[in-house]
Amino acid sequence: PDIVEVSVKDNQLTVQCESSYKDETCKERPFFRKSITLPPGTQVDQLQPQITDSDELKIEAPYVETTQQ
């Protein structure tokens, strides 16, 4: 994709990707969006997205186990 956006709001992780393709007869703009709820204890302020050498999106964040009482 030409554009990759990763955001977190209220423990909701959203990934959006967009590409564009244009030739003499066709113009395309594929779009992808996926949202997931992160588990309690995810340290979203330390979230680190990266594109790997094999062009995969990898998102990491520390997790602290929460205790319920």
N, C-alpha and C. Protein backbone atom coordinates (compact mmCIF):
# COMPACT_ATOMS: atom_id res chain seq x y z
N PRO A 1 0.83 -1.21 0.00
CA PRO A 1 0.00 0.00 0.00
C PRO A 1 0.87 1.27 0.00
N ASP A 2 0.31 2.32 -0.53
CA ASP A 2 1.00 3.61 -0.55
C ASP A 2 0.91 4.29 0.82
N ILE A 3 -0.22 4.09 1.49
CA ILE A 3 -0.46 4.73 2.79
C ILE A 3 -0.87 3.67 3.80
N VAL A 4 -0.23 3.67 4.97
CA VAL A 4 -0.61 2.79 6.07
C VAL A 4 -0.75 3.67 7.31
N GLU A 5 -1.92 3.64 7.92
CA GLU A 5 -2.16 4.41 9.15
C GLU A 5 -2.57 3.46 10.27
N VAL A 6 -1.93 3.64 11.42
CA VAL A 6 -2.25 2.85 12.61
C VAL A 6 -2.64 3.84 13.70
N SER A 7 -3.81 3.62 14.32
CA SER A 7 -4.25 4.53 15.37
C SER A 7 -4.93 3.73 16.48
N VAL A 8 -4.95 4.35 17.67
CA VAL A 8 -5.63 3.75 18.82
C VAL A 8 -6.48 4.82 19.48
N LYS A 9 -7.74 4.47 19.72
CA LYS A 9 -8.64 5.37 20.45
C LYS A 9 -9.52 4.50 21.34
N ASP A 10 -9.52 4.78 22.63
CA ASP A 10 -10.33 4.02 23.59
C ASP A 10 -10.07 2.51 23.49
N ASN A 11 -8.79 2.13 23.44
CA ASN A 11 -8.36 0.73 23.35
C ASN A 11 -8.83 0.03 22.06
N GLN A 12 -9.21 0.81 21.06
CA GLN A 12 -9.62 0.28 19.76
C GLN A 12 -8.49 0.56 18.77
N LEU A 13 -7.82 -0.51 18.31
CA LEU A 13 -6.73 -0.40 17.35
C LEU A 13 -7.32 -0.43 15.94
N THR A 14 -6.98 0.56 15.12
CA THR A 14 -7.47 0.63 13.75
C THR A 14 -6.29 0.72 12.80
N VAL A 15 -6.32 -0.10 11.76
CA VAL A 15 -5.32 -0.09 10.70
C VAL A 15 -6.05 0.24 9.40
N GLN A 16 -5.55 1.26 8.70
CA GLN A 16 -6.11 1.64 7.41
C GLN A 16 -4.99 1.64 6.38
N CYS A 17 -5.26 1.07 5.22
CA CYS A 17 -4.28 1.03 4.14
C CYS A 17 -4.96 1.48 2.86
N GLU A 18 -4.20 2.17 2.02
CA GLU A 18 -4.74 2.63 0.75
C GLU A 18 -3.64 2.57 -0.31
N SER A 19 -4.03 2.16 -1.47
CA SER A 19 -3.13 2.14 -2.62
C SER A 19 -3.79 2.90 -3.75
N SER A 20 -3.00 3.30 -4.71
CA SER A 20 -3.59 3.88 -5.91
C SER A 20 -2.84 3.35 -7.12
N TYR A 21 -3.62 3.14 -8.15
CA TYR A 21 -3.08 2.61 -9.39
C TYR A 21 -3.75 3.34 -10.54
N LYS A 22 -2.96 3.75 -11.50
CA LYS A 22 -3.53 4.47 -12.62
C LYS A 22 -2.74 4.12 -13.88
N ASP A 23 -3.46 3.81 -14.93
CA ASP A 23 -2.82 3.68 -16.23
C ASP A 23 -3.71 4.43 -17.23
N GLU A 24 -3.51 4.23 -18.49
CA GLU A 24 -4.24 5.00 -19.50
C GLU A 24 -5.73 4.70 -19.55
N THR A 25 -6.12 3.52 -19.08
CA THR A 25 -7.54 3.13 -19.18
C THR A 25 -8.22 2.90 -17.84
N CYS A 26 -7.45 2.89 -16.77
CA CYS A 26 -8.03 2.49 -15.48
C CYS A 26 -7.42 3.29 -14.34
N LYS A 27 -8.26 3.56 -13.35
CA LYS A 27 -7.78 4.20 -12.12
C LYS A 27 -8.42 3.46 -10.95
N GLU A 28 -7.61 2.97 -10.03
CA GLU A 28 -8.11 2.21 -8.88
C GLU A 28 -7.54 2.79 -7.59
N ARG A 29 -8.34 2.68 -6.52
CA ARG A 29 -7.90 3.10 -5.19
C ARG A 29 -8.38 2.08 -4.17
N PRO A 30 -7.73 0.90 -4.12
CA PRO A 30 -8.14 -0.10 -3.12
C PRO A 30 -7.92 0.44 -1.70
N PHE A 31 -8.83 0.07 -0.81
CA PHE A 31 -8.82 0.57 0.56
C PHE A 31 -9.11 -0.59 1.50
N PHE A 32 -8.40 -0.63 2.62
CA PHE A 32 -8.60 -1.67 3.63
C PHE A 32 -8.66 -1.01 4.99
N ARG A 33 -9.59 -1.46 5.83
CA ARG A 33 -9.68 -0.95 7.20
C ARG A 33 -10.07 -2.10 8.12
N LYS A 34 -9.36 -2.21 9.23
CA LYS A 34 -9.63 -3.27 10.21
C LYS A 34 -9.49 -2.67 11.60
N SER A 35 -10.45 -2.96 12.48
CA SER A 35 -10.41 -2.49 13.87
C SER A 35 -10.57 -3.68 14.80
N ILE A 36 -9.79 -3.65 15.89
CA ILE A 36 -9.93 -4.66 16.93
C ILE A 36 -9.83 -3.98 18.29
N THR A 37 -10.45 -4.58 19.28
CA THR A 37 -10.36 -4.08 20.64
C THR A 37 -9.18 -4.74 21.32
N LEU A 38 -8.29 -3.94 21.86
CA LEU A 38 -7.12 -4.46 22.56
C LEU A 38 -7.52 -4.91 23.96
N PRO A 39 -6.87 -5.95 24.48
CA PRO A 39 -7.22 -6.42 25.82
C PRO A 39 -6.80 -5.43 26.90
N PRO A 40 -7.52 -5.40 28.02
CA PRO A 40 -7.11 -4.55 29.13
C PRO A 40 -5.68 -4.91 29.54
N GLY A 41 -4.90 -3.91 29.84
CA GLY A 41 -3.51 -4.14 30.22
C GLY A 41 -2.54 -3.84 29.09
N THR A 42 -3.05 -3.63 27.88
CA THR A 42 -2.18 -3.27 26.76
C THR A 42 -1.69 -1.84 26.95
N GLN A 43 -0.40 -1.65 26.87
CA GLN A 43 0.21 -0.33 27.06
C GLN A 43 0.20 0.40 25.72
N VAL A 44 -0.94 1.01 25.38
CA VAL A 44 -1.11 1.62 24.06
C VAL A 44 -0.17 2.81 23.83
N ASP A 45 0.28 3.45 24.90
CA ASP A 45 1.21 4.58 24.74
C ASP A 45 2.59 4.10 24.27
N GLN A 46 2.84 2.80 24.34
CA GLN A 46 4.11 2.24 23.90
C GLN A 46 3.96 1.38 22.64
N LEU A 47 2.84 1.52 21.95
CA LEU A 47 2.56 0.77 20.73
C LEU A 47 3.58 1.14 19.65
N GLN A 48 4.12 0.12 18.97
CA GLN A 48 5.13 0.36 17.94
C GLN A 48 4.80 -0.43 16.68
N PRO A 49 4.27 0.25 15.66
CA PRO A 49 4.05 -0.42 14.37
C PRO A 49 5.32 -0.34 13.52
N GLN A 50 5.54 -1.35 12.71
CA GLN A 50 6.67 -1.32 11.78
C GLN A 50 6.38 -2.21 10.59
N ILE A 51 7.00 -1.90 9.47
CA ILE A 51 6.92 -2.73 8.27
C ILE A 51 8.18 -3.59 8.27
N THR A 52 8.00 -4.92 8.21
CA THR A 52 9.13 -5.85 8.26
C THR A 52 9.84 -5.89 6.90
N ASP A 53 10.98 -6.58 6.86
CA ASP A 53 11.72 -6.74 5.61
C ASP A 53 10.91 -7.50 4.56
N SER A 54 9.95 -8.31 5.00
CA SER A 54 9.10 -9.04 4.06
C SER A 54 7.79 -8.29 3.78
N ASP A 55 7.78 -6.97 4.06
CA ASP A 55 6.65 -6.08 3.79
C ASP A 55 5.37 -6.44 4.54
N GLU A 56 5.51 -6.95 5.74
CA GLU A 56 4.36 -7.23 6.60
C GLU A 56 4.28 -6.17 7.68
N LEU A 57 3.07 -5.81 8.06
CA LEU A 57 2.87 -4.87 9.15
C LEU A 57 2.93 -5.63 10.46
N LYS A 58 3.79 -5.18 11.35
CA LYS A 58 3.95 -5.80 12.67
C LYS A 58 3.67 -4.72 13.72
N ILE A 59 2.77 -5.02 14.65
CA ILE A 59 2.41 -4.06 15.69
C ILE A 59 2.67 -4.71 17.03
N GLU A 60 3.47 -4.06 17.86
CA GLU A 60 3.80 -4.59 19.18
C GLU A 60 3.50 -3.55 20.25
N ALA A 61 3.08 -4.03 21.41
CA ALA A 61 2.88 -3.18 22.57
C ALA A 61 3.04 -4.05 23.81
N PRO A 62 3.68 -3.50 24.85
CA PRO A 62 3.78 -4.27 26.10
C PRO A 62 2.39 -4.54 26.68
N TYR A 63 2.33 -5.64 27.40
CA TYR A 63 1.07 -6.04 28.04
C TYR A 63 1.36 -6.30 29.50
N VAL A 64 0.53 -5.73 30.36
CA VAL A 64 0.63 -5.94 31.80
C VAL A 64 -0.63 -6.68 32.25
N GLU A 65 -0.42 -7.86 32.80
CA GLU A 65 -1.56 -8.68 33.26
C GLU A 65 -2.30 -7.92 34.37
N THR A 66 -3.62 -7.83 34.22
CA THR A 66 -4.42 -7.16 35.24
C THR A 66 -5.01 -8.21 36.18
N THR A 67 -5.13 -7.85 37.43
CA THR A 67 -5.73 -8.76 38.41
C THR A 67 -7.12 -8.25 38.74
N GLN A 68 -8.07 -9.15 38.76
CA GLN A 68 -9.45 -8.78 39.09
C GLN A 68 -9.74 -9.18 40.53
N GLN A 69 -10.31 -8.25 41.29
CA GLN A 69 -10.63 -8.53 42.69
C GLN A 69 -12.08 -8.29 42.97
